[in-house]
């Protein structure tokens, strides 16, 4: 299943491929197993009556696969190149071995253990190529196998009885490969649909917790954080503070300059504040022109200083059309008896107190 999921999405660039880690894992696994198979088979060949040609060929193939494995390990960005090389060399060697085994002069067609590995080319194509390219490449390999059978049928120098007797082997070979191709194609299609649904669900989930305009966490996400952070602070006896601020005269900005200008002010405010905060702070848009800041391990005085710094920062920035847009800040520190609602209510009340006192200030 891992292999088929890896081919779920077409990729124009590797860096944009969400399935790249799965592709890499699948390709690494196949290369590793190919190397191990070559080693074990060569160890067996010592006591078997293998031809010198087969032994050397398998050894070279094992070394080649080992080189590809090391390249993939040392250069993560080589996934596409390594995959192409693994596919092309494997397919060419497979077709050549098949042709040699069934077209050797005076020799009865031989469908030996090597034939078990020939469908691996289709699997590699599914892993390293986009869906359409994988299908076309696999069909090209299959067509090459068919061509070998056609050459045998029309140009074999074997007795007619022997040639007819080989038909069963060819038939089983081609039918089994047709089944492999069909199953790979169907599974790849199903997994593309599955991965597309997963990605769509993840995008919808992200949208559910993200403010579309500013890219900040939205009210739903802030509520979850507030509940979790407050509970953690109360359990461990740590300070926890909440800052609520609202942009001043924002309705006038929308009325005077239009909602597009208002949207620019909101986005600029979001990015300005976000850049000024420490990593463990949680910042999001509550709704409208109101924003919320969660400050773990911060007492009331520390939260006040943060709010004052943000107040000065916002008043120092002039927007292209709206000019300077200040904000009114409300700050509250959690108590052991607070609930998310009660803590937010106190911070919100402090913010409205700042509004009533003339705006552009911080109240606790």
Foldseek 3Di string as FASTA:
>chain_A
DLLLLLQQAADPALVPRPSLVSLLVVLLVVLVVLLVVLVVVLVVVVPPPDDPVVNVVSVVVSVLSVVLNVCCVVPVRCSLVSLVVCLVVLLVVLLVVQLCQPVPAPDQRDDDPSLVCNLVSLSSLSSRHHLVRSLVVLVVSLVSNVVSVVCCVPPHPDDPVSSVVCVVVSVVSSVVSVVSSVVSNVSSNVSSVVVVVVVVVVVVVLPVQADPLQRAGEQVVVLVVLQVLLVVCLVVVAKKKKKKKFKPPLVVCCVPPNVVLSSVLQNVLSVQLVVVDDPVKGKGAHDDRMIMIIDTRAHQVRVQVSVLVSLVSQQVDQRPPPTGIGMFMFMFMDDSPDGSVRNVVRSVVQSVVCVVVPGSHYGD
